[in-house]
PDB file of all heavy atoms in Angstrom:
ATOM      1  N   PRO A   1     -13.188  -4.389  -1.875  1.00  0.00           N
ATOM      2  CA  PRO A   1     -13.381  -5.792  -2.247  1.00  0.00           C
ATOM      3  C   PRO A   1     -12.339  -6.683  -1.562  1.00  0.00           C
ATOM      4  O   PRO A   1     -11.244  -6.242  -1.224  1.00  0.00           O
ATOM      5  CB  PRO A   1     -13.188  -5.798  -3.758  1.00  0.00           C
ATOM      6  CG  PRO A   1     -13.493  -4.395  -4.182  1.00  0.00           C
ATOM      7  CD  PRO A   1     -13.054  -3.531  -3.038  1.00  0.00           C
ATOM      8  N   ALA A   2     -12.689  -7.936  -1.366  1.00  0.00           N
ATOM      9  CA  ALA A   2     -11.838  -8.870  -0.624  1.00  0.00           C
ATOM     10  C   ALA A   2     -10.437  -8.972  -1.208  1.00  0.00           C
ATOM     11  O   ALA A   2      -9.447  -9.027  -0.471  1.00  0.00           O
ATOM     12  CB  ALA A   2     -12.503 -10.241  -0.584  1.00  0.00           C
ATOM     13  N   GLN A   3     -10.312  -8.996  -2.524  1.00  0.00           N
ATOM     14  CA  GLN A   3      -9.000  -9.111  -3.152  1.00  0.00           C
ATOM     15  C   GLN A   3      -8.133  -7.883  -2.850  1.00  0.00           C
ATOM     16  O   GLN A   3      -6.939  -8.009  -2.590  1.00  0.00           O
ATOM     17  CB  GLN A   3      -9.156  -9.290  -4.660  1.00  0.00           C
ATOM     18  CG  GLN A   3      -7.860  -9.577  -5.367  1.00  0.00           C
ATOM     19  CD  GLN A   3      -8.078  -9.853  -6.850  1.00  0.00           C
ATOM     20  OE1 GLN A   3      -9.139  -9.573  -7.398  1.00  0.00           O
ATOM     21  NE2 GLN A   3      -7.077 -10.405  -7.492  1.00  0.00           N
ATOM     22  N   GLU A   4      -8.727  -6.696  -2.878  1.00  0.00           N
ATOM     23  CA  GLU A   4      -7.985  -5.478  -2.560  1.00  0.00           C
ATOM     24  C   GLU A   4      -7.588  -5.471  -1.091  1.00  0.00           C
ATOM     25  O   GLU A   4      -6.471  -5.086  -0.749  1.00  0.00           O
ATOM     26  CB  GLU A   4      -8.798  -4.245  -2.909  1.00  0.00           C
ATOM     27  CG  GLU A   4      -8.947  -4.051  -4.402  1.00  0.00           C
ATOM     28  CD  GLU A   4      -9.794  -2.860  -4.771  1.00  0.00           C
ATOM     29  OE1 GLU A   4     -10.148  -2.054  -3.870  1.00  0.00           O
ATOM     30  OE2 GLU A   4     -10.100  -2.721  -5.958  1.00  0.00           O
ATOM     31  N   ARG A   5      -8.498  -5.884  -0.212  1.00  0.00           N
ATOM     32  CA  ARG A   5      -8.177  -5.972   1.225  1.00  0.00           C
ATOM     33  C   ARG A   5      -7.005  -6.909   1.452  1.00  0.00           C
ATOM     34  O   ARG A   5      -6.089  -6.603   2.209  1.00  0.00           O
ATOM     35  CB  ARG A   5      -9.384  -6.461   2.025  1.00  0.00           C
ATOM     36  CG  ARG A   5     -10.274  -5.369   2.521  1.00  0.00           C
ATOM     37  CD  ARG A   5     -11.226  -5.865   3.599  1.00  0.00           C
ATOM     38  NE  ARG A   5     -11.894  -7.117   3.309  1.00  0.00           N
ATOM     39  CZ  ARG A   5     -13.013  -7.251   2.633  1.00  0.00           C
ATOM     40  NH1 ARG A   5     -13.625  -6.191   2.167  1.00  0.00           N
ATOM     41  NH2 ARG A   5     -13.550  -8.437   2.426  1.00  0.00           N
ATOM     42  N   ALA A   6      -7.025  -8.045   0.779  1.00  0.00           N
ATOM     43  CA  ALA A   6      -5.942  -9.021   0.925  1.00  0.00           C
ATOM     44  C   ALA A   6      -4.614  -8.427   0.447  1.00  0.00           C
ATOM     45  O   ALA A   6      -3.571  -8.651   1.074  1.00  0.00           O
ATOM     46  CB  ALA A   6      -6.271 -10.288   0.146  1.00  0.00           C
ATOM     47  N   ARG A   7      -4.632  -7.682  -0.638  1.00  0.00           N
ATOM     48  CA  ARG A   7      -3.405  -7.070  -1.158  1.00  0.00           C
ATOM     49  C   ARG A   7      -2.871  -6.025  -0.184  1.00  0.00           C
ATOM     50  O   ARG A   7      -1.666  -5.946   0.060  1.00  0.00           O
ATOM     51  CB  ARG A   7      -3.668  -6.439  -2.528  1.00  0.00           C
ATOM     52  CG  ARG A   7      -2.453  -5.797  -3.136  1.00  0.00           C
ATOM     53  CD  ARG A   7      -1.375  -6.830  -3.415  1.00  0.00           C
ATOM     54  NE  ARG A   7      -0.209  -6.163  -3.973  1.00  0.00           N
ATOM     55  CZ  ARG A   7       1.020  -6.358  -3.549  1.00  0.00           C
ATOM     56  NH1 ARG A   7       1.271  -7.220  -2.609  1.00  0.00           N
ATOM     57  NH2 ARG A   7       2.019  -5.706  -4.093  1.00  0.00           N
ATOM     58  N   ILE A   8      -3.750  -5.217   0.395  1.00  0.00           N
ATOM     59  CA  ILE A   8      -3.337  -4.204   1.364  1.00  0.00           C
ATOM     60  C   ILE A   8      -2.711  -4.876   2.578  1.00  0.00           C
ATOM     61  O   ILE A   8      -1.649  -4.478   3.056  1.00  0.00           O
ATOM     62  CB  ILE A   8      -4.532  -3.320   1.789  1.00  0.00           C
ATOM     63  CG1 ILE A   8      -5.093  -2.537   0.595  1.00  0.00           C
ATOM     64  CG2 ILE A   8      -4.147  -2.391   2.928  1.00  0.00           C
ATOM     65  CD1 ILE A   8      -4.148  -1.607  -0.097  1.00  0.00           C
ATOM     66  N   ILE A   9      -3.347  -5.918   3.078  1.00  0.00           N
ATOM     67  CA  ILE A   9      -2.815  -6.642   4.234  1.00  0.00           C
ATOM     68  C   ILE A   9      -1.455  -7.233   3.905  1.00  0.00           C
ATOM     69  O   ILE A   9      -0.523  -7.172   4.714  1.00  0.00           O
ATOM     70  CB  ILE A   9      -3.810  -7.709   4.719  1.00  0.00           C
ATOM     71  CG1 ILE A   9      -5.034  -7.013   5.321  1.00  0.00           C
ATOM     72  CG2 ILE A   9      -3.169  -8.646   5.735  1.00  0.00           C
ATOM     73  CD1 ILE A   9      -6.205  -7.920   5.574  1.00  0.00           C
ATOM     74  N   ALA A  10      -1.302  -7.784   2.710  1.00  0.00           N
ATOM     75  CA  ALA A  10      -0.009  -8.347   2.296  1.00  0.00           C
ATOM     76  C   ALA A  10       1.072  -7.263   2.276  1.00  0.00           C
ATOM     77  O   ALA A  10       2.208  -7.507   2.696  1.00  0.00           O
ATOM     78  CB  ALA A  10      -0.138  -9.013   0.936  1.00  0.00           C
ATOM     79  N   LEU A  11       0.729  -6.078   1.809  1.00  0.00           N
ATOM     80  CA  LEU A  11       1.708  -4.986   1.774  1.00  0.00           C
ATOM     81  C   LEU A  11       2.144  -4.573   3.172  1.00  0.00           C
ATOM     82  O   LEU A  11       3.296  -4.184   3.376  1.00  0.00           O
ATOM     83  CB  LEU A  11       1.143  -3.776   1.038  1.00  0.00           C
ATOM     84  CG  LEU A  11       1.145  -3.841  -0.477  1.00  0.00           C
ATOM     85  CD1 LEU A  11       0.372  -2.656  -1.062  1.00  0.00           C
ATOM     86  CD2 LEU A  11       2.560  -3.857  -1.015  1.00  0.00           C
ATOM     87  N   THR A  12       1.258  -4.655   4.154  1.00  0.00           N
ATOM     88  CA  THR A  12       1.626  -4.249   5.517  1.00  0.00           C
ATOM     89  C   THR A  12       2.640  -5.197   6.132  1.00  0.00           C
ATOM     90  O   THR A  12       3.304  -4.845   7.100  1.00  0.00           O
ATOM     91  CB  THR A  12       0.403  -4.184   6.454  1.00  0.00           C
ATOM     92  OG1 THR A  12      -0.145  -5.492   6.632  1.00  0.00           O
ATOM     93  CG2 THR A  12      -0.650  -3.223   5.939  1.00  0.00           C
ATOM     94  N   ARG A  13       2.785  -6.372   5.570  1.00  0.00           N
ATOM     95  CA  ARG A  13       3.700  -7.372   6.127  1.00  0.00           C
ATOM     96  C   ARG A  13       5.102  -7.314   5.536  1.00  0.00           C
ATOM     97  O   ARG A  13       5.956  -8.097   5.928  1.00  0.00           O
ATOM     98  CB  ARG A  13       3.106  -8.758   5.930  1.00  0.00           C
ATOM     99  CG  ARG A  13       1.843  -8.918   6.722  1.00  0.00           C
ATOM    100  CD  ARG A  13       1.230 -10.251   6.543  1.00  0.00           C
ATOM    101  NE  ARG A  13       0.028 -10.348   7.376  1.00  0.00           N
ATOM    102  CZ  ARG A  13      -0.828 -11.310   7.291  1.00  0.00           C
ATOM    103  NH1 ARG A  13      -0.645 -12.294   6.442  1.00  0.00           N
ATOM    104  NH2 ARG A  13      -1.885 -11.310   8.074  1.00  0.00           N
ATOM    105  N   VAL A  14       5.324  -6.411   4.597  1.00  0.00           N
ATOM    106  CA  VAL A  14       6.649  -6.265   3.989  1.00  0.00           C
ATOM    107  C   VAL A  14       7.128  -4.830   4.165  1.00  0.00           C
ATOM    108  O   VAL A  14       6.333  -3.905   4.289  1.00  0.00           O
ATOM    109  CB  VAL A  14       6.659  -6.654   2.491  1.00  0.00           C
ATOM    110  CG1 VAL A  14       6.295  -8.102   2.297  1.00  0.00           C
ATOM    111  CG2 VAL A  14       5.736  -5.764   1.697  1.00  0.00           C
ATOM    112  N   THR A  15       8.434  -4.660   4.149  1.00  0.00           N
ATOM    113  CA  THR A  15       9.025  -3.328   4.213  1.00  0.00           C
ATOM    114  C   THR A  15       8.774  -2.627   2.877  1.00  0.00           C
ATOM    115  O   THR A  15       8.857  -3.270   1.829  1.00  0.00           O
ATOM    116  CB  THR A  15      10.539  -3.447   4.459  1.00  0.00           C
ATOM    117  OG1 THR A  15      10.731  -4.193   5.655  1.00  0.00           O
ATOM    118  CG2 THR A  15      11.193  -2.092   4.595  1.00  0.00           C
ATOM    119  N   PRO A  16       8.474  -1.342   2.902  1.00  0.00           N
ATOM    120  CA  PRO A  16       8.278  -0.625   1.634  1.00  0.00           C
ATOM    121  C   PRO A  16       9.524  -0.743   0.742  1.00  0.00           C
ATOM    122  O   PRO A  16      10.647  -0.793   1.252  1.00  0.00           O
ATOM    123  CB  PRO A  16       8.069   0.824   2.065  1.00  0.00           C
ATOM    124  CG  PRO A  16       7.637   0.747   3.480  1.00  0.00           C
ATOM    125  CD  PRO A  16       8.296  -0.460   4.050  1.00  0.00           C
ATOM    126  N   PRO A  17       9.349  -0.790  -0.569  1.00  0.00           N
ATOM    127  CA  PRO A  17      10.508  -0.869  -1.458  1.00  0.00           C
ATOM    128  C   PRO A  17      11.389   0.371  -1.313  1.00  0.00           C
ATOM    129  O   PRO A  17      10.914   1.443  -0.960  1.00  0.00           O
ATOM    130  CB  PRO A  17       9.900  -0.954  -2.854  1.00  0.00           C
ATOM    131  CG  PRO A  17       8.480  -0.596  -2.723  1.00  0.00           C
ATOM    132  CD  PRO A  17       8.094  -0.727  -1.287  1.00  0.00           C
ATOM    133  N   ASP A  18      12.667   0.198  -1.590  1.00  0.00           N
ATOM    134  CA  ASP A  18      13.611   1.315  -1.476  1.00  0.00           C
ATOM    135  C   ASP A  18      13.170   2.525  -2.292  1.00  0.00           C
ATOM    136  O   ASP A  18      13.339   3.659  -1.867  1.00  0.00           O
ATOM    137  CB  ASP A  18      15.008   0.890  -1.923  1.00  0.00           C
ATOM    138  CG  ASP A  18      15.660  -0.070  -0.935  1.00  0.00           C
ATOM    139  OD1 ASP A  18      15.256  -0.082   0.253  1.00  0.00           O
ATOM    140  OD2 ASP A  18      16.554  -0.806  -1.359  1.00  0.00           O
ATOM    141  N   ARG A  19      12.602   2.274  -3.461  1.00  0.00           N
ATOM    142  CA  ARG A  19      12.206   3.402  -4.326  1.00  0.00           C
ATOM    143  C   ARG A  19      11.083   4.238  -3.717  1.00  0.00           C
ATOM    144  O   ARG A  19      10.856   5.364  -4.132  1.00  0.00           O
ATOM    145  CB  ARG A  19      11.822   2.905  -5.711  1.00  0.00           C
ATOM    146  CG  ARG A  19      10.571   2.071  -5.751  1.00  0.00           C
ATOM    147  CD  ARG A  19      10.241   1.668  -7.198  1.00  0.00           C
ATOM    148  NE  ARG A  19       9.026   0.919  -7.234  1.00  0.00           N
ATOM    149  CZ  ARG A  19       8.951  -0.393  -7.334  1.00  0.00           C
ATOM    150  NH1 ARG A  19      10.048  -1.114  -7.431  1.00  0.00           N
ATOM    151  NH2 ARG A  19       7.785  -1.007  -7.356  1.00  0.00           N
ATOM    152  N   ALA A  20      10.379   3.691  -2.714  1.00  0.00           N
ATOM    153  CA  ALA A  20       9.327   4.455  -2.040  1.00  0.00           C
ATOM    154  C   ALA A  20       9.928   5.466  -1.073  1.00  0.00           C
ATOM    155  O   ALA A  20       9.278   6.442  -0.705  1.00  0.00           O
ATOM    156  CB  ALA A  20       8.374   3.521  -1.311  1.00  0.00           C
ATOM    157  N   GLY A  21      11.179   5.222  -0.625  1.00  0.00           N
ATOM    158  CA  GLY A  21      11.840   6.157   0.287  1.00  0.00           C
ATOM    159  C   GLY A  21      11.255   6.154   1.688  1.00  0.00           C
ATOM    160  O   GLY A  21      11.322   7.166   2.387  1.00  0.00           O
ATOM    161  N   LEU A  22      10.679   5.033   2.110  1.00  0.00           N
ATOM    162  CA  LEU A  22      10.036   4.944   3.424  1.00  0.00           C
ATOM    163  C   LEU A  22      10.702   3.868   4.277  1.00  0.00           C
ATOM    164  O   LEU A  22      11.185   2.874   3.760  1.00  0.00           O
ATOM    165  CB  LEU A  22       8.557   4.567   3.257  1.00  0.00           C
ATOM    166  CG  LEU A  22       7.703   5.469   2.379  1.00  0.00           C
ATOM    167  CD1 LEU A  22       6.360   4.810   2.108  1.00  0.00           C
ATOM    168  CD2 LEU A  22       7.517   6.815   3.041  1.00  0.00           C
ATOM    169  N   SER A  23      10.678   4.065   5.595  1.00  0.00           N
ATOM    170  CA  SER A  23      11.174   3.027   6.492  1.00  0.00           C
ATOM    171  C   SER A  23      10.034   2.121   6.952  1.00  0.00           C
ATOM    172  O   SER A  23      10.263   1.003   7.388  1.00  0.00           O
ATOM    173  CB  SER A  23      11.862   3.654   7.710  1.00  0.00           C
ATOM    174  OG  SER A  23      10.935   4.450   8.427  1.00  0.00           O
ATOM    175  N   HIS A  24       8.805   2.639   6.887  1.00  0.00           N
ATOM    176  CA  HIS A  24       7.618   1.863   7.257  1.00  0.00           C
ATOM    177  C   HIS A  24       6.406   2.477   6.550  1.00  0.00           C
ATOM    178  O   HIS A  24       6.476   3.584   6.038  1.00  0.00           O
ATOM    179  CB  HIS A  24       7.415   1.855   8.778  1.00  0.00           C
ATOM    180  CG  HIS A  24       7.178   3.228   9.339  1.00  0.00           C
ATOM    181  ND1 HIS A  24       8.222   4.119   9.591  1.00  0.00           N
ATOM    182  CD2 HIS A  24       6.040   3.883   9.663  1.00  0.00           C
ATOM    183  CE1 HIS A  24       7.704   5.253  10.056  1.00  0.00           C
ATOM    184  NE2 HIS A  24       6.394   5.128  10.106  1.00  0.00           N
ATOM    185  N   TRP A  25       5.321   1.735   6.521  1.00  0.00           N
ATOM    186  CA  TRP A  25       4.100   2.217   5.873  1.00  0.00           C
ATOM    187  C   TRP A  25       3.288   3.075   6.837  1.00  0.00           C
ATOM    188  O   TRP A  25       3.153   2.754   7.998  1.00  0.00           O
ATOM    189  CB  TRP A  25       3.205   1.051   5.450  1.00  0.00           C
ATOM    190  CG  TRP A  25       3.740   0.204   4.354  1.00  0.00           C
ATOM    191  CD1 TRP A  25       4.121  -1.094   4.450  1.00  0.00           C
ATOM    192  CD2 TRP A  25       3.923   0.574   2.984  1.00  0.00           C
ATOM    193  NE1 TRP A  25       4.544  -1.567   3.232  1.00  0.00           N
ATOM    194  CE2 TRP A  25       4.426  -0.563   2.309  1.00  0.00           C
ATOM    195  CE3 TRP A  25       3.726   1.736   2.261  1.00  0.00           C
ATOM    196  CZ2 TRP A  25       4.725  -0.543   0.954  1.00  0.00           C
ATOM    197  CZ3 TRP A  25       4.026   1.750   0.920  1.00  0.00           C
ATOM    198  CH2 TRP A  25       4.510   0.620   0.277  1.00  0.00           C
ATOM    199  N   SER A  26       2.728   4.149   6.338  1.00  0.00           N
ATOM    200  CA  SER A  26       1.673   4.880   7.032  1.00  0.00           C
ATOM    201  C   SER A  26       0.393   4.603   6.242  1.00  0.00           C
ATOM    202  O   SER A  26       0.451   4.129   5.101  1.00  0.00           O
ATOM    203  CB  SER A  26       1.963   6.381   7.049  1.00  0.00           C
ATOM    204  OG  SER A  26       1.846   6.929   5.741  1.00  0.00           O
ATOM    205  N   ALA A  27      -0.741   4.874   6.820  1.00  0.00           N
ATOM    206  CA  ALA A  27      -2.002   4.633   6.106  1.00  0.00           C
ATOM    207  C   ALA A  27      -2.043   5.453   4.812  1.00  0.00           C
ATOM    208  O   ALA A  27      -2.468   4.960   3.770  1.00  0.00           O
ATOM    209  CB  ALA A  27      -3.191   4.966   6.991  1.00  0.00           C
ATOM    210  N   ARG A  28      -1.588   6.675   4.870  1.00  0.00           N
ATOM    211  CA  ARG A  28      -1.625   7.534   3.685  1.00  0.00           C
ATOM    212  C   ARG A  28      -0.670   7.046   2.597  1.00  0.00           C
ATOM    213  O   ARG A  28      -1.011   7.041   1.421  1.00  0.00           O
ATOM    214  CB  ARG A  28      -1.314   8.975   4.059  1.00  0.00           C
ATOM    215  CG  ARG A  28      -2.432   9.580   4.882  1.00  0.00           C
ATOM    216  CD  ARG A  28      -2.067  10.966   5.374  1.00  0.00           C
ATOM    217  NE  ARG A  28      -2.950  11.393   6.421  1.00  0.00           N
ATOM    218  CZ  ARG A  28      -3.871  12.331   6.287  1.00  0.00           C
ATOM    219  NH1 ARG A  28      -4.020  12.932   5.146  1.00  0.00           N
ATOM    220  NH2 ARG A  28      -4.652  12.639   7.292  1.00  0.00           N
ATOM    221  N   GLU A  29       0.530   6.656   2.987  1.00  0.00           N
ATOM    222  CA  GLU A  29       1.488   6.150   2.004  1.00  0.00           C
ATOM    223  C   GLU A  29       1.038   4.806   1.445  1.00  0.00           C
ATOM    224  O   GLU A  29       1.219   4.525   0.266  1.00  0.00           O
ATOM    225  CB  GLU A  29       2.885   6.036   2.608  1.00  0.00           C
ATOM    226  CG  GLU A  29       3.542   7.370   2.869  1.00  0.00           C
ATOM    227  CD  GLU A  29       3.706   8.218   1.621  1.00  0.00           C
ATOM    228  OE1 GLU A  29       3.971   7.668   0.533  1.00  0.00           O
ATOM    229  OE2 GLU A  29       3.586   9.447   1.737  1.00  0.00           O
ATOM    230  N   LEU A  30       0.438   3.992   2.290  1.00  0.00           N
ATOM    231  CA  LEU A  30      -0.057   2.701   1.830  1.00  0.00           C
ATOM    232  C   LEU A  30      -1.215   2.883   0.853  1.00  0.00           C
ATOM    233  O   LEU A  30      -1.407   2.069  -0.033  1.00  0.00           O
ATOM    234  CB  LEU A  30      -0.485   1.852   3.029  1.00  0.00           C
ATOM    235  CG  LEU A  30      -0.677   0.376   2.787  1.00  0.00           C
ATOM    236  CD1 LEU A  30       0.549  -0.254   2.151  1.00  0.00           C
ATOM    237  CD2 LEU A  30      -0.987  -0.326   4.088  1.00  0.00           C
ATOM    238  N   ALA A  31      -1.970   3.956   0.981  1.00  0.00           N
ATOM    239  CA  ALA A  31      -3.048   4.250   0.030  1.00  0.00           C
ATOM    240  C   ALA A  31      -2.487   4.714  -1.311  1.00  0.00           C
ATOM    241  O   ALA A  31      -3.028   4.385  -2.367  1.00  0.00           O
ATOM    242  CB  ALA A  31      -3.978   5.312   0.603  1.00  0.00           C
ATOM    243  N   LYS A  32      -1.392   5.458  -1.281  1.00  0.00           N
ATOM    244  CA  LYS A  32      -0.799   5.977  -2.529  1.00  0.00           C
ATOM    245  C   LYS A  32      -0.085   4.891  -3.330  1.00  0.00           C
ATOM    246  O   LYS A  32      -0.152   4.880  -4.557  1.00  0.00           O
ATOM    247  CB  LYS A  32       0.215   7.074  -2.210  1.00  0.00           C
ATOM    248  CG  LYS A  32      -0.372   8.333  -1.654  1.00  0.00           C
ATOM    249  CD  LYS A  32       0.760   9.281  -1.318  1.00  0.00           C
ATOM    250  CE  LYS A  32       0.292  10.470  -0.523  1.00  0.00           C
ATOM    251  NZ  LYS A  32       1.416  11.318  -0.117  1.00  0.00           N
ATOM    252  N   TYR A  33       0.612   4.007  -2.659  1.00  0.00           N
ATOM    253  CA  TYR A  33       1.471   3.041  -3.341  1.00  0.00           C
ATOM    254  C   TYR A  33       0.718   2.109  -4.294  1.00  0.00           C
ATOM    255  O   TYR A  33       1.068   2.023  -5.465  1.00  0.00           O
ATOM    256  CB  TYR A  33       2.285   2.258  -2.312  1.00  0.00           C
ATOM    257  CG  TYR A  33       3.282   1.328  -2.939  1.00  0.00           C
ATOM    258  CD1 TYR A  33       4.441   1.822  -3.515  1.00  0.00           C
ATOM    259  CD2 TYR A  33       3.060  -0.038  -2.977  1.00  0.00           C
ATOM    260  CE1 TYR A  33       5.360   0.981  -4.107  1.00  0.00           C
ATOM    261  CE2 TYR A  33       3.978  -0.892  -3.568  1.00  0.00           C
ATOM    262  CZ  TYR A  33       5.118  -0.378  -4.130  1.00  0.00           C
ATOM    263  OH  TYR A  33       6.020  -1.210  -4.725  1.00  0.00           O
ATOM    264  N   PRO A  34      -0.329   1.402  -3.851  1.00  0.00           N
ATOM    265  CA  PRO A  34      -1.013   0.501  -4.792  1.00  0.00           C
ATOM    266  C   PRO A  34      -1.675   1.247  -5.949  1.00  0.00           C
ATOM    267  O   PRO A  34      -1.813   0.713  -7.043  1.00  0.00           O
ATOM    268  CB  PRO A  34      -2.055  -0.218  -3.957  1.00  0.00           C
ATOM    269  CG  PRO A  34      -1.792   0.129  -2.560  1.00  0.00           C
ATOM    270  CD  PRO A  34      -0.868   1.290  -2.528  1.00  0.00           C
ATOM    271  N   LYS A  35      -2.060   2.488  -5.709  1.00  0.00           N
ATOM    272  CA  LYS A  35      -2.674   3.266  -6.793  1.00  0.00           C
ATOM    273  C   LYS A  35      -1.650   3.521  -7.895  1.00  0.00           C
ATOM    274  O   LYS A  35      -1.958   3.397  -9.077  1.00  0.00           O
ATOM    275  CB  LYS A  35      -3.213   4.584  -6.252  1.00  0.00           C
ATOM    276  CG  LYS A  35      -3.979   5.375  -7.276  1.00  0.00           C
ATOM    277  CD  LYS A  35      -4.620   6.584  -6.655  1.00  0.00           C
ATOM    278  CE  LYS A  35      -5.456   7.301  -7.682  1.00  0.00           C
ATOM    279  NZ  LYS A  35      -6.137   8.449  -7.126  1.00  0.00           N
ATOM    280  N   ARG A  36      -0.422   3.842  -7.513  1.00  0.00           N
ATOM    281  CA  ARG A  36       0.641   4.094  -8.502  1.00  0.00           C
ATOM    282  C   ARG A  36       1.076   2.813  -9.195  1.00  0.00           C
ATOM    283  O   ARG A  36       1.303   2.793 -10.394  1.00  0.00           O
ATOM    284  CB  ARG A  36       1.859   4.709  -7.824  1.00  0.00           C
ATOM    285  CG  ARG A  36       1.721   6.149  -7.466  1.00  0.00           C
ATOM    286  CD  ARG A  36       3.073   6.717  -7.072  1.00  0.00           C
ATOM    287  NE  ARG A  36       3.740   5.917  -6.061  1.00  0.00           N
ATOM    288  CZ  ARG A  36       3.926   6.289  -4.805  1.00  0.00           C
ATOM    289  NH1 ARG A  36       3.491   7.448  -4.390  1.00  0.00           N
ATOM    290  NH2 ARG A  36       4.549   5.500  -3.963  1.00  0.00           N
ATOM    291  N   ILE A  37       1.207   1.734  -8.443  1.00  0.00           N
ATOM    292  CA  ILE A  37       1.802   0.510  -8.959  1.00  0.00           C
ATOM    293  C   ILE A  37       0.782  -0.436  -9.595  1.00  0.00           C
ATOM    294  O   ILE A  37       1.036  -1.041 -10.621  1.00  0.00           O
ATOM    295  CB  ILE A  37       2.560  -0.233  -7.829  1.00  0.00           C
ATOM    296  CG1 ILE A  37       3.612   0.679  -7.198  1.00  0.00           C
ATOM    297  CG2 ILE A  37       3.181  -1.520  -8.313  1.00  0.00           C
ATOM    298  CD1 ILE A  37       4.623   1.245  -8.161  1.00  0.00           C
ATOM    299  N   GLU A  38      -0.395  -0.581  -8.963  1.00  0.00           N
ATOM    300  CA  GLU A  38      -1.346  -1.612  -9.390  1.00  0.00           C
ATOM    301  C   GLU A  38      -2.731  -1.089  -9.749  1.00  0.00           C
ATOM    302  O   GLU A  38      -3.657  -1.863  -9.926  1.00  0.00           O
ATOM    303  CB  GLU A  38      -1.489  -2.649  -8.273  1.00  0.00           C
ATOM    304  CG  GLU A  38      -0.172  -3.284  -7.901  1.00  0.00           C
ATOM    305  CD  GLU A  38      -0.275  -4.169  -6.684  1.00  0.00           C
ATOM    306  OE1 GLU A  38      -1.392  -4.571  -6.324  1.00  0.00           O
ATOM    307  OE2 GLU A  38       0.767  -4.461  -6.095  1.00  0.00           O
ATOM    308  N   SER A  39      -2.902   0.206  -9.799  1.00  0.00           N
ATOM    309  CA  SER A  39      -4.195   0.838 -10.104  1.00  0.00           C
ATOM    310  C   SER A  39      -5.286   0.451  -9.106  1.00  0.00           C
ATOM    311  O   SER A  39      -6.459   0.373  -9.458  1.00  0.00           O
ATOM    312  CB  SER A  39      -4.639   0.506 -11.528  1.00  0.00           C
ATOM    313  OG  SER A  39      -3.717   1.005 -12.451  1.00  0.00           O
ATOM    314  N   ILE A  40      -4.895   0.169  -7.873  1.00  0.00           N
ATOM    315  CA  ILE A  40      -5.859  -0.072  -6.802  1.00  0.00           C
ATOM    316  C   ILE A  40      -6.051   1.252  -6.087  1.00  0.00           C
ATOM    317  O   ILE A  40      -5.112   1.805  -5.532  1.00  0.00           O
ATOM    318  CB  ILE A  40      -5.367  -1.142  -5.805  1.00  0.00           C
ATOM    319  CG1 ILE A  40      -5.211  -2.488  -6.504  1.00  0.00           C
ATOM    320  CG2 ILE A  40      -6.305  -1.249  -4.612  1.00  0.00           C
ATOM    321  CD1 ILE A  40      -4.586  -3.559  -5.639  1.00  0.00           C
ATOM    322  N   SER A  41      -7.259   1.768  -6.097  1.00  0.00           N
ATOM    323  CA  SER A  41      -7.534   3.049  -5.471  1.00  0.00           C
ATOM    324  C   SER A  41      -8.330   2.831  -4.185  1.00  0.00           C
ATOM    325  O   SER A  41      -9.463   2.360  -4.213  1.00  0.00           O
ATOM    326  CB  SER A  41      -8.332   3.927  -6.443  1.00  0.00           C
ATOM    327  OG  SER A  41      -8.540   5.190  -5.886  1.00  0.00           O
ATOM    328  N   VAL A  42      -7.679   3.154  -3.066  1.00  0.00           N
ATOM    329  CA  VAL A  42      -8.305   2.997  -1.752  1.00  0.00           C
ATOM    330  C   VAL A  42      -7.993   4.250  -0.951  1.00  0.00           C
ATOM    331  O   VAL A  42      -6.855   4.724  -0.948  1.00  0.00           O
ATOM    332  CB  VAL A  42      -7.733   1.758  -1.008  1.00  0.00           C
ATOM    333  CG1 VAL A  42      -8.393   1.586   0.335  1.00  0.00           C
ATOM    334  CG2 VAL A  42      -7.897   0.504  -1.843  1.00  0.00           C
ATOM    335  N   PHE A  43      -8.975   4.791  -0.264  1.00  0.00           N
ATOM    336  CA  PHE A  43      -8.743   5.957   0.588  1.00  0.00           C
ATOM    337  C   PHE A  43      -7.948   5.554   1.825  1.00  0.00           C
ATOM    338  O   PHE A  43      -8.073   4.437   2.309  1.00  0.00           O
ATOM    339  CB  PHE A  43     -10.067   6.583   1.026  1.00  0.00           C
ATOM    340  CG  PHE A  43     -10.804   7.250  -0.092  1.00  0.00           C
ATOM    341  CD1 PHE A  43     -11.968   6.705  -0.592  1.00  0.00           C
ATOM    342  CD2 PHE A  43     -10.327   8.416  -0.667  1.00  0.00           C
ATOM    343  CE1 PHE A  43     -12.661   7.314  -1.622  1.00  0.00           C
ATOM    344  CE2 PHE A  43     -10.994   9.022  -1.712  1.00  0.00           C
ATOM    345  CZ  PHE A  43     -12.170   8.467  -2.194  1.00  0.00           C
ATOM    346  N   TRP A  44      -7.157   6.472   2.346  1.00  0.00           N
ATOM    347  CA  TRP A  44      -6.301   6.153   3.499  1.00  0.00           C
ATOM    348  C   TRP A  44      -7.114   5.763   4.709  1.00  0.00           C
ATOM    349  O   TRP A  44      -6.697   4.911   5.485  1.00  0.00           O
ATOM    350  CB  TRP A  44      -5.329   7.292   3.803  1.00  0.00           C
ATOM    351  CG  TRP A  44      -5.967   8.513   4.379  1.00  0.00           C
ATOM    352  CD1 TRP A  44      -6.399   9.603   3.682  1.00  0.00           C
ATOM    353  CD2 TRP A  44      -6.238   8.769   5.742  1.00  0.00           C
ATOM    354  NE1 TRP A  44      -6.934  10.527   4.543  1.00  0.00           N
ATOM    355  CE2 TRP A  44      -6.846  10.049   5.820  1.00  0.00           C
ATOM    356  CE3 TRP A  44      -6.029   8.063   6.918  1.00  0.00           C
ATOM    357  CZ2 TRP A  44      -7.241  10.607   7.016  1.00  0.00           C
ATOM    358  CZ3 TRP A  44      -6.434   8.632   8.114  1.00  0.00           C
ATOM    359  CH2 TRP A  44      -7.031   9.892   8.154  1.00  0.00           C
ATOM    360  N   HIS A  45      -8.296   6.343   4.885  1.00  0.00           N
ATOM    361  CA  HIS A  45      -9.088   5.975   6.069  1.00  0.00           C
ATOM    362  C   HIS A  45      -9.651   4.557   5.932  1.00  0.00           C
ATOM    363  O   HIS A  45      -9.861   3.879   6.926  1.00  0.00           O
ATOM    364  CB  HIS A  45     -10.170   6.985   6.415  1.00  0.00           C
ATOM    365  CG  HIS A  45     -11.003   7.445   5.260  1.00  0.00           C
ATOM    366  ND1 HIS A  45     -11.617   6.609   4.372  1.00  0.00           N
ATOM    367  CD2 HIS A  45     -11.310   8.685   4.837  1.00  0.00           C
ATOM    368  CE1 HIS A  45     -12.276   7.293   3.473  1.00  0.00           C
ATOM    369  NE2 HIS A  45     -12.100   8.557   3.719  1.00  0.00           N
TER     370      HIS A  45
END
């Protein structure tokens, strides 16, 4: 959905939080993060 797409795009523009332990986002990590934090479930592909 458009709102989820917008949230994913917004996340790509910021550095991952320190608690994520990442220096940058990968598609797989970006798929895991919103699911844990915001209950947005999106496949990495």
